């Protein structure tokens, strides 16, 4: 996990934002990964975890389902990913999206993209 991620989680949590994870890994696996990170237990930052029980990560309906589960309108949600197909699906569902560009990721001109979480504004 990149250091800028932990700093952003701290800031966003202090600002009262609802933070959630959507992964192809099971909810249980997500909690283990975040619970035992090299930065300690990060699970208190997240209020919800979603896996592919919500649907495929490249399907707009999955993101609509997540918005319903969070009791938010899709436009109230910022979805972050490095995968363009996931970003397209989330945007199709009405979410705001930002592509995360790290080493090995090809930036897409179709999305706003950042290479550091400190660049994300809300």
PDB file of N, CA and C in Angstrom:
ATOM      1  N   UNK A   1       0.847  -1.166   0.000  1.00  0.00           N
ATOM      2  CA  UNK A   1       0.000   0.000   0.000  1.00  0.00           C
ATOM      3  C   UNK A   1       0.900   1.239   0.000  1.00  0.00           C
ATOM      4  N   UNK A   2       0.568   2.160  -0.865  1.00  0.00           N
ATOM      5  CA  UNK A   2       1.333   3.397  -0.967  1.00  0.00           C
ATOM      6  C   UNK A   2       1.052   4.308   0.230  1.00  0.00           C
ATOM      7  N   UNK A   3       2.075   5.014   0.667  1.00  0.00           N
ATOM      8  CA  UNK A   3       1.955   5.918   1.824  1.00  0.00           C
ATOM      9  C   UNK A   3       0.873   6.976   1.610  1.00  0.00           C
ATOM     10  N   UNK A   4       0.749   7.485   0.379  1.00  0.00           N
ATOM     11  CA  UNK A   4      -0.250   8.527   0.114  1.00  0.00           C
ATOM     12  C   UNK A   4      -1.673   8.024   0.319  1.00  0.00           C
ATOM     13  N   UNK A   5      -1.883   6.723   0.196  1.00  0.00           N
ATOM     14  CA  UNK A   5      -3.214   6.148   0.413  1.00  0.00           C
ATOM     15  C   UNK A   5      -3.599   6.274   1.886  1.00  0.00           C
ATOM     16  N   UNK A   6      -2.706   5.915   2.765  1.00  0.00           N
ATOM     17  CA  UNK A   6      -2.989   5.981   4.198  1.00  0.00           C
ATOM     18  C   UNK A   6      -3.236   7.433   4.625  1.00  0.00           C
ATOM     19  N   UNK A   7      -2.424   8.354   4.119  1.00  0.00           N
ATOM     20  CA  UNK A   7      -2.615   9.765   4.435  1.00  0.00           C
ATOM     21  C   UNK A   7      -3.991  10.247   3.968  1.00  0.00           C
ATOM     22  N   UNK A   8      -4.391   9.826   2.768  1.00  0.00           N
ATOM     23  CA  UNK A   8      -5.703  10.215   2.250  1.00  0.00           C
ATOM     24  C   UNK A   8      -6.826   9.604   3.075  1.00  0.00           C
ATOM     25  N   UNK A   9      -6.691   8.332   3.446  1.00  0.00           N
ATOM     26  CA  UNK A   9      -7.720   7.704   4.280  1.00  0.00           C
ATOM     27  C   UNK A   9      -7.888   8.456   5.586  1.00  0.00           C
ATOM     28  N   UNK A  10      -6.782   8.870   6.170  1.00  0.00           N
ATOM     29  CA  UNK A  10      -6.825   9.678   7.399  1.00  0.00           C
ATOM     30  C   UNK A  10      -7.616  10.962   7.180  1.00  0.00           C
ATOM     31  N   UNK A  11      -7.242  11.684   6.141  1.00  0.00           N
ATOM     32  CA  UNK A  11      -7.891  12.970   5.850  1.00  0.00           C
ATOM     33  C   UNK A  11      -9.364  12.792   5.544  1.00  0.00           C
ATOM     34  N   UNK A  12      -9.686  11.837   4.682  1.00  0.00           N
ATOM     35  CA  UNK A  12     -11.073  11.634   4.288  1.00  0.00           C
ATOM     36  C   UNK A  12     -11.926  11.188   5.456  1.00  0.00           C
ATOM     37  N   UNK A  13     -11.371  10.364   6.303  1.00  0.00           N
ATOM     38  CA  UNK A  13     -12.085   9.914   7.492  1.00  0.00           C
ATOM     39  C   UNK A  13     -12.363  11.092   8.429  1.00  0.00           C
ATOM     40  N   UNK A  14     -11.343  11.912   8.636  1.00  0.00           N
ATOM     41  CA  UNK A  14     -11.512  13.101   9.485  1.00  0.00           C
ATOM     42  C   UNK A  14     -12.550  14.060   8.914  1.00  0.00           C
ATOM     43  N   UNK A  15     -12.650  14.091   7.584  1.00  0.00           N
ATOM     44  CA  UNK A  15     -13.637  14.960   6.931  1.00  0.00           C
ATOM     45  C   UNK A  15     -15.040  14.357   6.955  1.00  0.00           C
ATOM     46  N   UNK A  16     -15.175  13.155   7.504  1.00  0.00           N
ATOM     47  CA  UNK A  16     -16.489  12.542   7.640  1.00  0.00           C
ATOM     48  C   UNK A  16     -17.012  11.844   6.398  1.00  0.00           C
ATOM     49  N   UNK A  17     -16.137  11.562   5.448  1.00  0.00           N
ATOM     50  CA  UNK A  17     -16.591  10.875   4.244  1.00  0.00           C
ATOM     51  C   UNK A  17     -16.850   9.400   4.536  1.00  0.00           C
ATOM     52  N   UNK A  18     -17.823   8.841   3.846  1.00  0.00           N
ATOM     53  CA  UNK A  18     -18.087   7.420   3.914  1.00  0.00           C
ATOM     54  C   UNK A  18     -17.139   6.735   2.944  1.00  0.00           C
ATOM     55  N   UNK A  19     -16.348   5.819   3.443  1.00  0.00           N
ATOM     56  CA  UNK A  19     -15.385   5.109   2.611  1.00  0.00           C
ATOM     57  C   UNK A  19     -15.785   3.651   2.498  1.00  0.00           C
ATOM     58  N   UNK A  20     -15.727   3.146   1.270  1.00  0.00           N
ATOM     59  CA  UNK A  20     -16.102   1.755   1.013  1.00  0.00           C
ATOM     60  C   UNK A  20     -15.132   1.155   0.013  1.00  0.00           C
ATOM     61  N   UNK A  21     -15.083  -0.162  -0.005  1.00  0.00           N
ATOM     62  CA  UNK A  21     -14.217  -0.906  -0.913  1.00  0.00           C
ATOM     63  C   UNK A  21     -15.094  -1.807  -1.776  1.00  0.00           C
ATOM     64  N   UNK A  22     -14.774  -1.853  -3.077  1.00  0.00           N
ATOM     65  CA  UNK A  22     -15.410  -2.793  -3.998  1.00  0.00           C
ATOM     66  C   UNK A  22     -14.285  -3.559  -4.682  1.00  0.00           C
ATOM     67  N   UNK A  23     -14.227  -4.852  -4.441  1.00  0.00           N
ATOM     68  CA  UNK A  23     -13.128  -5.663  -4.950  1.00  0.00           C
ATOM     69  C   UNK A  23     -13.651  -6.974  -5.503  1.00  0.00           C
ATOM     70  N   UNK A  24     -12.862  -7.564  -6.391  1.00  0.00           N
ATOM     71  CA  UNK A  24     -13.219  -8.897  -6.884  1.00  0.00           C
ATOM     72  C   UNK A  24     -12.900  -9.956  -5.842  1.00  0.00           C
ATOM     73  N   UNK A  25     -12.113  -9.592  -4.830  1.00  0.00           N
ATOM     74  CA  UNK A  25     -11.867 -10.485  -3.701  1.00  0.00           C
ATOM     75  C   UNK A  25     -13.056 -10.473  -2.760  1.00  0.00           C
ATOM     76  N   UNK A  26     -13.257 -11.533  -2.036  1.00  0.00           N
ATOM     77  CA  UNK A  26     -14.394 -11.613  -1.116  1.00  0.00           C
ATOM     78  C   UNK A  26     -14.295 -10.545  -0.025  1.00  0.00           C
ATOM     79  N   UNK A  27     -15.418 -10.228   0.574  1.00  0.00           N
ATOM     80  CA  UNK A  27     -15.433  -9.265   1.681  1.00  0.00           C
ATOM     81  C   UNK A  27     -14.491  -9.736   2.778  1.00  0.00           C
ATOM     82  N   UNK A  28     -14.514 -11.020   3.092  1.00  0.00           N
ATOM     83  CA  UNK A  28     -13.631 -11.555   4.132  1.00  0.00           C
ATOM     84  C   UNK A  28     -12.164 -11.335   3.766  1.00  0.00           C
ATOM     85  N   UNK A  29     -11.796 -11.563   2.512  1.00  0.00           N
ATOM     86  CA  UNK A  29     -10.417 -11.357   2.072  1.00  0.00           C
ATOM     87  C   UNK A  29     -10.033  -9.879   2.148  1.00  0.00           C
ATOM     88  N   UNK A  30     -10.959  -8.997   1.781  1.00  0.00           N
ATOM     89  CA  UNK A  30     -10.696  -7.561   1.855  1.00  0.00           C
ATOM     90  C   UNK A  30     -10.393  -7.145   3.295  1.00  0.00           C
ATOM     91  N   UNK A  31     -11.191  -7.645   4.209  1.00  0.00           N
ATOM     92  CA  UNK A  31     -10.987  -7.291   5.616  1.00  0.00           C
ATOM     93  C   UNK A  31      -9.641  -7.803   6.123  1.00  0.00           C
ATOM     94  N   UNK A  32      -9.223  -8.969   5.664  1.00  0.00           N
ATOM     95  CA  UNK A  32      -7.910  -9.480   6.055  1.00  0.00           C
ATOM     96  C   UNK A  32      -6.788  -8.619   5.474  1.00  0.00           C
ATOM     97  N   UNK A  33      -6.919  -8.254   4.205  1.00  0.00           N
ATOM     98  CA  UNK A  33      -5.890  -7.430   3.562  1.00  0.00           C
ATOM     99  C   UNK A  33      -5.758  -6.090   4.266  1.00  0.00           C
ATOM    100  N   UNK A  34      -6.886  -5.422   4.510  1.00  0.00           N
ATOM    101  CA  UNK A  34      -6.844  -4.109   5.158  1.00  0.00           C
ATOM    102  C   UNK A  34      -6.577  -4.215   6.654  1.00  0.00           C
ATOM    103  N   UNK A  35      -6.923  -5.336   7.236  1.00  0.00           N
ATOM    104  CA  UNK A  35      -6.708  -5.521   8.665  1.00  0.00           C
ATOM    105  C   UNK A  35      -5.264  -5.784   9.032  1.00  0.00           C
ATOM    106  N   UNK A  36      -4.520  -6.338   8.089  1.00  0.00           N
ATOM    107  CA  UNK A  36      -3.136  -6.704   8.366  1.00  0.00           C
ATOM    108  C   UNK A  36      -2.191  -6.073   7.341  1.00  0.00           C
ATOM    109  N   UNK A  37      -2.396  -4.812   7.054  1.00  0.00           N
ATOM    110  CA  UNK A  37      -1.530  -4.128   6.089  1.00  0.00           C
ATOM    111  C   UNK A  37      -0.205  -3.756   6.746  1.00  0.00           C
ATOM    112  N   UNK A  38       0.769  -3.393   5.928  1.00  0.00           N
ATOM    113  CA  UNK A  38       2.058  -2.943   6.467  1.00  0.00           C
ATOM    114  C   UNK A  38       1.928  -1.635   7.247  1.00  0.00           C
ATOM    115  N   UNK A  39       0.770  -1.001   7.138  1.00  0.00           N
ATOM    116  CA  UNK A  39       0.494   0.233   7.890  1.00  0.00           C
ATOM    117  C   UNK A  39      -0.432  -0.025   9.081  1.00  0.00           C
ATOM    118  N   UNK A  40      -0.613  -1.279   9.415  1.00  0.00           N
ATOM    119  CA  UNK A  40      -1.492  -1.622  10.534  1.00  0.00           C
ATOM    120  C   UNK A  40      -2.908  -1.901  10.069  1.00  0.00           C
ATOM    121  N   UNK A  41      -3.817  -1.872  11.023  1.00  0.00           N
ATOM    122  CA  UNK A  41      -5.228  -2.167  10.765  1.00  0.00           C
ATOM    123  C   UNK A  41      -5.908  -0.952  10.149  1.00  0.00           C
ATOM    124  N   UNK A  42      -6.269  -1.052   8.884  1.00  0.00           N
ATOM    125  CA  UNK A  42      -6.941   0.042   8.179  1.00  0.00           C
ATOM    126  C   UNK A  42      -8.450  -0.151   8.112  1.00  0.00           C
ATOM    127  N   UNK A  43      -8.955  -1.249   8.652  1.00  0.00           N
ATOM    128  CA  UNK A  43     -10.390  -1.528   8.543  1.00  0.00           C
ATOM    129  C   UNK A  43     -11.278  -0.460   9.194  1.00  0.00           C
ATOM    130  N   UNK A  44     -10.829   0.248  10.241  1.00  0.00           N
ATOM    131  CA  UNK A  44     -11.717   1.263  10.809  1.00  0.00           C
ATOM    132  C   UNK A  44     -12.055   2.410   9.841  1.00  0.00           C
ATOM    133  N   UNK A  45     -11.265   2.576   8.797  1.00  0.00           N
ATOM    134  CA  UNK A  45     -11.551   3.633   7.822  1.00  0.00           C
ATOM    135  C   UNK A  45     -12.776   3.325   6.972  1.00  0.00           C
ATOM    136  N   UNK A  46     -13.081   2.048   6.808  1.00  0.00           N
ATOM    137  CA  UNK A  46     -14.114   1.648   5.860  1.00  0.00           C
ATOM    138  C   UNK A  46     -15.411   1.256   6.556  1.00  0.00           C
ATOM    139  N   UNK A  47     -16.489   1.815   6.049  1.00  0.00           N
ATOM    140  CA  UNK A  47     -17.783   1.483   6.639  1.00  0.00           C
ATOM    141  C   UNK A  47     -18.467   0.332   5.898  1.00  0.00           C
ATOM    142  N   UNK A  48     -18.060   0.116   4.649  1.00  0.00           N
ATOM    143  CA  UNK A  48     -18.689  -0.963   3.870  1.00  0.00           C
ATOM    144  C   UNK A  48     -17.663  -1.628   2.969  1.00  0.00           C
ATOM    145  N   UNK A  49     -17.903  -2.893   2.699  1.00  0.00           N
ATOM    146  CA  UNK A  49     -17.097  -3.678   1.779  1.00  0.00           C
ATOM    147  C   UNK A  49     -18.043  -4.346   0.798  1.00  0.00           C
ATOM    148  N   UNK A  50     -17.687  -4.319  -0.478  1.00  0.00           N
ATOM    149  CA  UNK A  50     -18.502  -4.938  -1.512  1.00  0.00           C
ATOM    150  C   UNK A  50     -17.625  -5.857  -2.352  1.00  0.00           C
ATOM    151  N   UNK A  51     -18.213  -6.972  -2.762  1.00  0.00           N
ATOM    152  CA  UNK A  51     -17.508  -7.883  -3.664  1.00  0.00           C
ATOM    153  C   UNK A  51     -18.404  -8.156  -4.861  1.00  0.00           C
ATOM    154  N   UNK A  52     -18.064  -9.142  -5.641  1.00  0.00           N
ATOM    155  CA  UNK A  52     -18.811  -9.372  -6.874  1.00  0.00           C
ATOM    156  C   UNK A  52     -20.210  -9.956  -6.652  1.00  0.00           C
ATOM    157  N   UNK A  53     -20.622 -10.108  -5.413  1.00  0.00           N
ATOM    158  CA  UNK A  53     -22.035 -10.423  -5.162  1.00  0.00           C
ATOM    159  C   UNK A  53     -22.911  -9.263  -5.621  1.00  0.00           C
ATOM    160  N   UNK A  54     -22.305  -8.054  -5.748  1.00  0.00           N
ATOM    161  CA  UNK A  54     -23.026  -6.888  -6.246  1.00  0.00           C
ATOM    162  C   UNK A  54     -23.151  -6.944  -7.762  1.00  0.00           C
ATOM    163  N   UNK A  55     -22.353  -7.802  -8.395  1.00  0.00           N
ATOM    164  CA  UNK A  55     -22.314  -7.920  -9.853  1.00  0.00           C
ATOM    165  C   UNK A  55     -20.884  -7.787 -10.334  1.00  0.00           C
ATOM    166  N   UNK A  56     -20.695  -7.941 -11.615  1.00  0.00           N
ATOM    167  CA  UNK A  56     -19.370  -7.848 -12.210  1.00  0.00           C
ATOM    168  C   UNK A  56     -18.831  -6.426 -12.157  1.00  0.00           C
ATOM    169  N   UNK A  57     -17.537  -6.296 -11.994  1.00  0.00           N
ATOM    170  CA  UNK A  57     -16.930  -4.972 -11.834  1.00  0.00           C
ATOM    171  C   UNK A  57     -16.935  -4.165 -13.127  1.00  0.00           C
ATOM    172  N   UNK A  58     -17.262  -4.770 -14.241  1.00  0.00           N
ATOM    173  CA  UNK A  58     -17.307  -4.055 -15.522  1.00  0.00           C
ATOM    174  C   UNK A  58     -18.742  -3.839 -15.986  1.00  0.00           C
ATOM    175  N   UNK A  59     -19.696  -3.977 -15.058  1.00  0.00           N
ATOM    176  CA  UNK A  59     -21.126  -3.835 -15.366  1.00  0.00           C
ATOM    177  C   UNK A  59     -21.714  -2.665 -14.588  1.00  0.00           C
ATOM    178  N   UNK A  60     -22.374  -1.752 -15.283  1.00  0.00           N
ATOM    179  CA  UNK A  60     -22.943  -0.563 -14.654  1.00  0.00           C
ATOM    180  C   UNK A  60     -23.915  -0.930 -13.533  1.00  0.00           C
ATOM    181  N   UNK A  61     -24.661  -1.984 -13.711  1.00  0.00           N
ATOM    182  CA  UNK A  61     -25.655  -2.386 -12.701  1.00  0.00           C
ATOM    183  C   UNK A  61     -25.009  -2.636 -11.339  1.00  0.00           C
ATOM    184  N   UNK A  62     -23.794  -3.120 -11.314  1.00  0.00           N
ATOM    185  CA  UNK A  62     -23.093  -3.372 -10.049  1.00  0.00           C
ATOM    186  C   UNK A  62     -22.922  -2.078  -9.260  1.00  0.00           C
ATOM    187  N   UNK A  63     -22.584  -1.021  -9.954  1.00  0.00           N
ATOM    188  CA  UNK A  63     -22.358   0.272  -9.308  1.00  0.00           C
ATOM    189  C   UNK A  63     -23.681   0.905  -8.871  1.00  0.00           C
ATOM    190  N   UNK A  64     -24.721   0.660  -9.643  1.00  0.00           N
ATOM    191  CA  UNK A  64     -26.060   1.094  -9.227  1.00  0.00           C
ATOM    192  C   UNK A  64     -26.453   0.369  -7.944  1.00  0.00           C
ATOM    193  N   UNK A  65     -26.168  -0.935  -7.870  1.00  0.00           N
ATOM    194  CA  UNK A  65     -26.462  -1.721  -6.669  1.00  0.00           C
ATOM    195  C   UNK A  65     -25.704  -1.183  -5.454  1.00  0.00           C
ATOM    196  N   UNK A  66     -24.447  -0.827  -5.652  1.00  0.00           N
ATOM    197  CA  UNK A  66     -23.645  -0.287  -4.553  1.00  0.00           C
ATOM    198  C   UNK A  66     -24.222   1.033  -4.070  1.00  0.00           C
ATOM    199  N   UNK A  67     -24.594   1.899  -4.992  1.00  0.00           N
ATOM    200  CA  UNK A  67     -25.198   3.184  -4.610  1.00  0.00           C
ATOM    201  C   UNK A  67     -26.465   2.948  -3.789  1.00  0.00           C
ATOM    202  N   UNK A  68     -27.290   2.001  -4.205  1.00  0.00           N
ATOM    203  CA  UNK A  68     -28.499   1.678  -3.450  1.00  0.00           C
ATOM    204  C   UNK A  68     -28.144   1.186  -2.053  1.00  0.00           C
ATOM    205  N   UNK A  69     -27.164   0.298  -1.960  1.00  0.00           N
ATOM    206  CA  UNK A  69     -26.748  -0.231  -0.656  1.00  0.00           C
ATOM    207  C   UNK A  69     -26.224   0.874   0.268  1.00  0.00           C
ATOM    208  N   UNK A  70     -25.568   1.868  -0.320  1.00  0.00           N
ATOM    209  CA  UNK A  70     -25.035   2.983   0.470  1.00  0.00           C
ATOM    210  C   UNK A  70     -26.086   4.054   0.732  1.00  0.00           C
ATOM    211  N   UNK A  71     -27.261   3.887   0.127  1.00  0.00           N
ATOM    212  CA  UNK A  71     -28.341   4.855   0.250  1.00  0.00           C
ATOM    213  C   UNK A  71     -27.895   6.241  -0.241  1.00  0.00           C
ATOM    214  N   UNK A  72     -27.183   6.223  -1.376  1.00  0.00           N
ATOM    215  CA  UNK A  72     -26.704   7.450  -2.000  1.00  0.00           C
ATOM    216  C   UNK A  72     -27.090   7.455  -3.470  1.00  0.00           C
ATOM    217  N   UNK A  73     -27.188   8.652  -4.017  1.00  0.00           N
ATOM    218  CA  UNK A  73     -27.350   8.762  -5.465  1.00  0.00           C
ATOM    219  C   UNK A  73     -25.983   8.481  -6.090  1.00  0.00           C
ATOM    220  N   UNK A  74     -25.934   7.838  -7.243  1.00  0.00           N
ATOM    221  CA  UNK A  74     -24.639   7.545  -7.853  1.00  0.00           C
ATOM    222  C   UNK A  74     -23.742   8.774  -8.015  1.00  0.00           C
ATOM    223  N   UNK A  75     -24.312   9.920  -8.356  1.00  0.00           N
ATOM    224  CA  UNK A  75     -23.493  11.119  -8.559  1.00  0.00           C
ATOM    225  C   UNK A  75     -22.829  11.602  -7.267  1.00  0.00           C
ATOM    226  N   UNK A  76     -23.259  11.085  -6.128  1.00  0.00           N
ATOM    227  CA  UNK A  76     -22.657  11.455  -4.845  1.00  0.00           C
ATOM    228  C   UNK A  76     -21.426  10.608  -4.516  1.00  0.00           C
ATOM    229  N   UNK A  77     -21.121   9.662  -5.385  1.00  0.00           N
ATOM    230  CA  UNK A  77     -20.044   8.707  -5.129  1.00  0.00           C
ATOM    231  C   UNK A  77     -18.880   8.957  -6.086  1.00  0.00           C
ATOM    232  N   UNK A  78     -17.682   8.971  -5.532  1.00  0.00           N
ATOM    233  CA  UNK A  78     -16.463   9.027  -6.331  1.00  0.00           C
ATOM    234  C   UNK A  78     -15.857   7.635  -6.323  1.00  0.00           C
ATOM    235  N   UNK A  79     -15.719   7.043  -7.501  1.00  0.00           N
ATOM    236  CA  UNK A  79     -15.154   5.706  -7.642  1.00  0.00           C
ATOM    237  C   UNK A  79     -13.739   5.816  -8.185  1.00  0.00           C
ATOM    238  N   UNK A  80     -12.811   5.147  -7.532  1.00  0.00           N
ATOM    239  CA  UNK A  80     -11.402   5.152  -7.916  1.00  0.00           C
ATOM    240  C   UNK A  80     -10.997   3.769  -8.395  1.00  0.00           C
ATOM    241  N   UNK A  81     -10.282   3.716  -9.512  1.00  0.00           N
ATOM    242  CA  UNK A  81      -9.788   2.439 -10.024  1.00  0.00           C
ATOM    243  C   UNK A  81      -8.670   2.717 -11.011  1.00  0.00           C
ATOM    244  N   UNK A  82      -7.863   1.700 -11.269  1.00  0.00           N
ATOM    245  CA  UNK A  82      -6.862   1.810 -12.320  1.00  0.00           C
ATOM    246  C   UNK A  82      -7.325   1.109 -13.595  1.00  0.00           C
ATOM    247  N   UNK A  83      -8.515   0.526 -13.567  1.00  0.00           N
ATOM    248  CA  UNK A  83      -9.026  -0.274 -14.676  1.00  0.00           C
ATOM    249  C   UNK A  83     -10.070   0.520 -15.473  1.00  0.00           C
ATOM    250  N   UNK A  84      -9.750   0.899 -16.707  1.00  0.00           N
ATOM    251  CA  UNK A  84     -10.679   1.713 -17.498  1.00  0.00           C
ATOM    252  C   UNK A  84     -12.081   1.123 -17.647  1.00  0.00           C
ATOM    253  N   UNK A  85     -12.181  -0.197 -17.806  1.00  0.00           N
ATOM    254  CA  UNK A  85     -13.513  -0.805 -17.971  1.00  0.00           C
ATOM    255  C   UNK A  85     -14.369  -0.645 -16.720  1.00  0.00           C
ATOM    256  N   UNK A  86     -13.750  -0.717 -15.565  1.00  0.00           N
ATOM    257  CA  UNK A  86     -14.484  -0.493 -14.312  1.00  0.00           C
ATOM    258  C   UNK A  86     -14.925   0.960 -14.219  1.00  0.00           C
ATOM    259  N   UNK A  87     -14.043   1.863 -14.592  1.00  0.00           N
ATOM    260  CA  UNK A  87     -14.371   3.292 -14.552  1.00  0.00           C
ATOM    261  C   UNK A  87     -15.514   3.609 -15.513  1.00  0.00           C
ATOM    262  N   UNK A  88     -15.491   3.015 -16.701  1.00  0.00           N
ATOM    263  CA  UNK A  88     -16.583   3.238 -17.661  1.00  0.00           C
ATOM    264  C   UNK A  88     -17.913   2.772 -17.077  1.00  0.00           C
ATOM    265  N   UNK A  89     -17.914   1.602 -16.473  1.00  0.00           N
ATOM    266  CA  UNK A  89     -19.157   1.063 -15.903  1.00  0.00           C
ATOM    267  C   UNK A  89     -19.664   1.943 -14.773  1.00  0.00           C
ATOM    268  N   UNK A  90     -18.772   2.394 -13.900  1.00  0.00           N
ATOM    269  CA  UNK A  90     -19.183   3.263 -12.786  1.00  0.00           C
ATOM    270  C   UNK A  90     -19.714   4.587 -13.309  1.00  0.00           C
ATOM    271  N   UNK A  91     -19.046   5.149 -14.312  1.00  0.00           N
ATOM    272  CA  UNK A  91     -19.517   6.418 -14.887  1.00  0.00           C
ATOM    273  C   UNK A  91     -20.868   6.228 -15.575  1.00  0.00           C
ATOM    274  N   UNK A  92     -21.044   5.098 -16.260  1.00  0.00           N
ATOM    275  CA  UNK A  92     -22.325   4.799 -16.901  1.00  0.00           C
ATOM    276  C   UNK A  92     -23.450   4.734 -15.857  1.00  0.00           C
ATOM    277  N   UNK A  93     -23.110   4.265 -14.658  1.00  0.00           N
ATOM    278  CA  UNK A  93     -24.096   4.194 -13.568  1.00  0.00           C
ATOM    279  C   UNK A  93     -24.361   5.570 -12.953  1.00  0.00           C
ATOM    280  N   UNK A  94     -23.538   6.569 -13.311  1.00  0.00           N
ATOM    281  CA  UNK A  94     -23.757   7.920 -12.813  1.00  0.00           C
ATOM    282  C   UNK A  94     -22.755   8.388 -11.774  1.00  0.00           C
ATOM    283  N   UNK A  95     -21.753   7.567 -11.475  1.00  0.00           N
ATOM    284  CA  UNK A  95     -20.754   7.954 -10.471  1.00  0.00           C
ATOM    285  C   UNK A  95     -19.689   8.868 -11.079  1.00  0.00           C
ATOM    286  N   UNK A  96     -19.072   9.645 -10.222  1.00  0.00           N
ATOM    287  CA  UNK A  96     -17.869  10.370 -10.587  1.00  0.00           C
ATOM    288  C   UNK A  96     -16.733   9.357 -10.550  1.00  0.00           C
ATOM    289  N   UNK A  97     -15.753   9.495 -11.433  1.00  0.00           N
ATOM    290  CA  UNK A  97     -14.666   8.521 -11.483  1.00  0.00           C
ATOM    291  C   UNK A  97     -13.318   9.209 -11.651  1.00  0.00           C
ATOM    292  N   UNK A  98     -12.294   8.572 -11.108  1.00  0.00           N
ATOM    293  CA  UNK A  98     -10.908   9.007 -11.272  1.00  0.00           C
ATOM    294  C   UNK A  98     -10.057   7.761 -11.466  1.00  0.00           C
ATOM    295  N   UNK A  99      -9.206   7.818 -12.492  1.00  0.00           N
ATOM    296  CA  UNK A  99      -8.287   6.706 -12.727  1.00  0.00           C
ATOM    297  C   UNK A  99      -7.030   6.893 -11.890  1.00  0.00           C
ATOM    298  N   UNK A 100      -6.651   5.839 -11.186  1.00  0.00           N
ATOM    299  CA  UNK A 100      -5.412   5.810 -10.417  1.00  0.00           C
ATOM    300  C   UNK A 100      -4.307   5.301 -11.334  1.00  0.00           C
ATOM    301  N   UNK A 101      -3.270   6.090 -11.485  1.00  0.00           N
ATOM    302  CA  UNK A 101      -2.176   5.730 -12.379  1.00  0.00           C
ATOM    303  C   UNK A 101      -0.922   5.515 -11.545  1.00  0.00           C
ATOM    304  N   UNK A 102      -0.513   4.293 -11.465  1.00  0.00           N
ATOM    305  CA  UNK A 102       0.721   3.924 -10.770  1.00  0.00           C
ATOM    306  C   UNK A 102       1.642   3.287 -11.801  1.00  0.00           C
ATOM    307  N   UNK A 103       2.809   2.889 -11.366  1.00  0.00           N
ATOM    308  CA  UNK A 103       3.764   2.271 -12.281  1.00  0.00           C
ATOM    309  C   UNK A 103       3.113   1.092 -13.002  1.00  0.00           C
ATOM    310  N   UNK A 104       3.202   1.087 -14.309  1.00  0.00           N
ATOM    311  CA  UNK A 104       2.632   0.012 -15.107  1.00  0.00           C
ATOM    312  C   UNK A 104       1.219   0.273 -15.598  1.00  0.00           C
ATOM    313  N   UNK A 105       0.579   1.339 -15.118  1.00  0.00           N
ATOM    314  CA  UNK A 105      -0.775   1.671 -15.554  1.00  0.00           C
ATOM    315  C   UNK A 105      -0.696   2.652 -16.718  1.00  0.00           C
ATOM    316  N   UNK A 106      -1.461   2.378 -17.750  1.00  0.00           N
ATOM    317  CA  UNK A 106      -1.518   3.280 -18.891  1.00  0.00           C
ATOM    318  C   UNK A 106      -2.654   4.280 -18.647  1.00  0.00           C
ATOM    319  N   UNK A 107      -2.331   5.577 -18.554  1.00  0.00           N
ATOM    320  CA  UNK A 107      -3.388   6.567 -18.328  1.00  0.00           C
ATOM    321  C   UNK A 107      -4.355   6.611 -19.514  1.00  0.00           C
ATOM    322  N   UNK A 108      -5.616   6.778 -19.216  1.00  0.00           N
ATOM    323  CA  UNK A 108      -6.636   6.906 -20.243  1.00  0.00           C
ATOM    324  C   UNK A 108      -7.015   8.373 -20.389  1.00  0.00           C
ATOM    325  N   UNK A 109      -7.153   8.823 -21.605  1.00  0.00           N
ATOM    326  CA  UNK A 109      -7.574  10.206 -21.843  1.00  0.00           C
ATOM    327  C   UNK A 109      -9.075  10.384 -21.613  1.00  0.00           C
ATOM    328  N   UNK A 110      -9.775   9.297 -21.334  1.00  0.00           N
ATOM    329  CA  UNK A 110     -11.226   9.348 -21.130  1.00  0.00           C
ATOM    330  C   UNK A 110     -11.622   9.695 -19.689  1.00  0.00           C
ATOM    331  N   UNK A 111     -10.653   9.734 -18.790  1.00  0.00           N
ATOM    332  CA  UNK A 111     -10.941   9.955 -17.375  1.00  0.00           C
ATOM    333  C   UNK A 111      -9.936  10.935 -16.787  1.00  0.00           C
ATOM    334  N   UNK A 112     -10.363  11.614 -15.734  1.00  0.00           N
ATOM    335  CA  UNK A 112      -9.388  12.335 -14.929  1.00  0.00           C
ATOM    336  C   UNK A 112      -8.492  11.276 -14.313  1.00  0.00           C
ATOM    337  N   UNK A 113      -7.198  11.537 -14.245  1.00  0.00           N
ATOM    338  CA  UNK A 113      -6.336  10.559 -13.605  1.00  0.00           C
ATOM    339  C   UNK A 113      -5.325  11.238 -12.698  1.00  0.00           C
ATOM    340  N   UNK A 114      -4.934  10.492 -11.664  1.00  0.00           N
ATOM    341  CA  UNK A 114      -3.989  10.969 -10.660  1.00  0.00           C
ATOM    342  C   UNK A 114      -2.952   9.885 -10.416  1.00  0.00           C
ATOM    343  N   UNK A 115      -1.762  10.307  -9.973  1.00  0.00           N
ATOM    344  CA  UNK A 115      -0.746   9.324  -9.619  1.00  0.00           C
ATOM    345  C   UNK A 115      -0.426   9.351  -8.132  1.00  0.00           C
ATOM    346  N   UNK A 116      -1.235  10.121  -7.391  1.00  0.00           N
ATOM    347  CA  UNK A 116      -1.054  10.232  -5.945  1.00  0.00           C
ATOM    348  C   UNK A 116      -2.405  10.593  -5.343  1.00  0.00           C
ATOM    349  N   UNK A 117      -2.785   9.939  -4.286  1.00  0.00           N
ATOM    350  CA  UNK A 117      -4.101  10.184  -3.680  1.00  0.00           C
ATOM    351  C   UNK A 117      -4.270  11.624  -3.210  1.00  0.00           C
ATOM    352  N   UNK A 118      -3.177  12.317  -2.935  1.00  0.00           N
ATOM    353  CA  UNK A 118      -3.275  13.713  -2.482  1.00  0.00           C
ATOM    354  C   UNK A 118      -3.826  14.607  -3.599  1.00  0.00           C
ATOM    355  N   UNK A 119      -3.853  14.141  -4.816  1.00  0.00           N
ATOM    356  CA  UNK A 119      -4.359  14.914  -5.950  1.00  0.00           C
ATOM    357  C   UNK A 119      -5.882  14.790  -6.109  1.00  0.00           C
ATOM    358  N   UNK A 120      -6.504  13.947  -5.333  1.00  0.00           N
ATOM    359  CA  UNK A 120      -7.935  13.709  -5.449  1.00  0.00           C
ATOM    360  C   UNK A 120      -8.683  14.792  -4.660  1.00  0.00           C
ATOM    361  N   UNK A 121      -9.598  15.447  -5.359  1.00  0.00           N
ATOM    362  CA  UNK A 121     -10.430  16.468  -4.712  1.00  0.00           C
ATOM    363  C   UNK A 121     -11.878  16.010  -4.715  1.00  0.00           C
ATOM    364  N   UNK A 122     -12.608  16.476  -3.739  1.00  0.00           N
ATOM    365  CA  UNK A 122     -14.025  16.109  -3.626  1.00  0.00           C
ATOM    366  C   UNK A 122     -14.833  17.286  -3.164  1.00  0.00           C
TER     367      UNK A 122
END
